[in-house]
Amino acid sequence: MKAPGVPARETGTKLKRGKALQVMVYPRAKTKKALVRASREVSLPLSSFMILAALRVAAELRGCEISGLVPPDELQQYRSSRVDRKRSAAAKRAWVTIRAKRT
C-alpha cells in the first residue's frame, strides 16, 4: 500500500508560523497505542518521542552520536518538553464524546 502524499524531503512544507515542519504518519491502531504508551512512560509528547527515536536511528546509520546530527540546544528542547497530565474541561468532554462513539 502506498502512503498518500509526496515522498519526504529534507525541508518539507513550512506552516504559516514558519517554524513548524508538517509530518504526516498513519500508524495502525496497535502501533499507535504502543508508541503513545512508551512516550507517556518517559513523560514526553509523542512528537518529541518519535523525533528522538528517529534521530537515534539516523545517528546509528551514520555511525555517530545524536549530538553530531543536531545542535545540543535543539536536542535539549525535545528532551525537556514534558506532558501535562491535567486535562482541560473541554478536552475531557471531547474524550467522553469520542469514547461514546466508539461503543
Protein backbone atom coordinates (compact mmCIF):
# COMPACT_ATOMS: atom_id res chain seq x y z
CA MET A 1 0.00 0.00 0.00
CA LYS A 2 1.38 3.38 -1.00
CA ALA A 3 1.09 6.15 1.57
CA PRO A 4 -0.74 9.26 0.39
CA GLY A 5 1.22 12.42 -0.36
CA VAL A 6 4.66 13.10 -1.71
CA PRO A 7 7.95 11.43 -0.69
CA ALA A 8 9.79 13.03 2.22
CA ARG A 9 12.20 15.89 1.55
CA GLU A 10 14.81 17.44 3.80
CA THR A 11 12.96 20.74 4.05
CA GLY A 12 9.25 19.86 3.96
CA THR A 13 6.19 22.11 3.99
CA LYS A 14 6.50 25.13 6.26
CA LEU A 15 3.40 26.18 8.14
CA LYS A 16 2.31 29.80 8.47
CA ARG A 17 4.30 30.34 11.63
CA GLY A 18 7.43 29.48 9.66
CA LYS A 19 8.82 27.30 12.44
CA ALA A 20 6.96 24.03 12.17
CA LEU A 21 7.51 21.17 9.78
CA GLN A 22 4.43 19.16 8.98
CA VAL A 23 4.95 15.41 9.11
CA MET A 24 2.08 13.02 8.49
CA VAL A 25 2.16 9.42 9.64
CA TYR A 26 -0.51 6.75 9.50
CA PRO A 27 0.27 4.11 12.15
CA ARG A 28 -2.01 1.17 12.69
CA ALA A 29 -4.03 1.19 15.93
CA LYS A 30 -1.80 -1.21 17.90
CA THR A 31 1.35 0.57 16.72
CA LYS A 32 -0.06 3.93 17.79
CA LYS A 33 -1.07 2.53 21.17
CA ALA A 34 2.46 1.17 21.76
CA LEU A 35 4.05 4.49 20.79
CA VAL A 36 1.69 6.52 22.97
CA ARG A 37 2.27 4.28 25.98
CA ALA A 38 6.05 4.43 25.56
CA SER A 39 6.03 8.22 25.21
CA ARG A 40 3.90 8.54 28.34
CA GLU A 41 6.28 6.31 30.31
CA VAL A 42 9.06 8.84 29.74
CA SER A 43 6.69 11.85 30.04
CA LEU A 44 7.38 13.17 26.56
CA PRO A 45 4.93 14.34 23.91
CA LEU A 46 4.51 11.75 21.18
CA SER A 47 6.08 14.05 18.59
CA SER A 48 9.24 14.58 20.68
CA PHE A 49 9.44 10.87 21.43
CA MET A 50 9.23 9.98 17.73
CA ILE A 51 11.76 12.65 16.72
CA LEU A 52 14.27 11.44 19.32
CA ALA A 53 13.79 7.82 18.23
CA ALA A 54 14.29 8.76 14.58
CA LEU A 55 17.39 10.79 15.42
CA ARG A 56 18.81 7.81 17.31
CA VAL A 57 18.38 5.61 14.24
CA ALA A 58 19.80 8.28 11.90
CA ALA A 59 22.87 8.69 14.11
CA GLU A 60 23.35 4.93 14.24
CA LEU A 61 23.21 4.73 10.44
CA ARG A 62 25.83 7.46 10.10
CA GLY A 63 27.99 5.98 12.86
CA CYS A 64 27.90 8.99 15.14
CA GLU A 65 26.10 10.36 18.19
CA ILE A 66 22.81 12.25 18.03
CA SER A 67 24.68 15.39 19.09
CA GLY A 68 26.67 15.07 15.87
CA LEU A 69 23.47 15.49 13.85
CA VAL A 70 21.65 18.16 15.85
CA PRO A 71 22.98 21.05 17.96
CA PRO A 72 22.81 20.28 21.72
CA ASP A 73 20.45 23.19 22.50
CA GLU A 74 17.97 21.99 19.88
CA LEU A 75 18.22 18.42 21.16
CA GLN A 76 17.56 19.62 24.71
CA GLN A 77 14.27 21.17 23.60
CA TYR A 78 12.98 17.72 22.62
CA ARG A 79 14.18 16.13 25.85
CA SER A 80 12.91 18.82 28.20
CA SER A 81 9.33 19.17 26.92
CA ARG A 82 7.02 17.45 29.33
CA VAL A 83 3.44 16.35 29.02
CA ASP A 84 0.98 17.94 31.41
CA ARG A 85 -1.38 15.20 32.55
CA LYS A 86 -4.06 17.66 33.70
CA ARG A 87 -6.70 17.96 31.01
CA SER A 88 -8.96 20.90 30.48
CA ALA A 89 -12.71 20.50 30.86
CA ALA A 90 -13.14 20.81 27.09
CA ALA A 91 -10.61 18.04 26.47
CA LYS A 92 -12.38 15.78 28.96
CA ARG A 93 -15.74 16.39 27.27
CA ALA A 94 -14.25 15.67 23.86
CA TRP A 95 -12.69 12.44 25.15
CA VAL A 96 -16.03 11.29 26.59
CA THR A 97 -17.74 12.01 23.27
CA ILE A 98 -15.10 10.08 21.32
CA ARG A 99 -15.32 7.10 23.69
CA ALA A 100 -19.13 7.09 23.43
CA LYS A 101 -18.97 6.99 19.62
CA ARG A 102 -16.59 4.01 19.70
CA THR A 103 -19.00 1.85 21.70
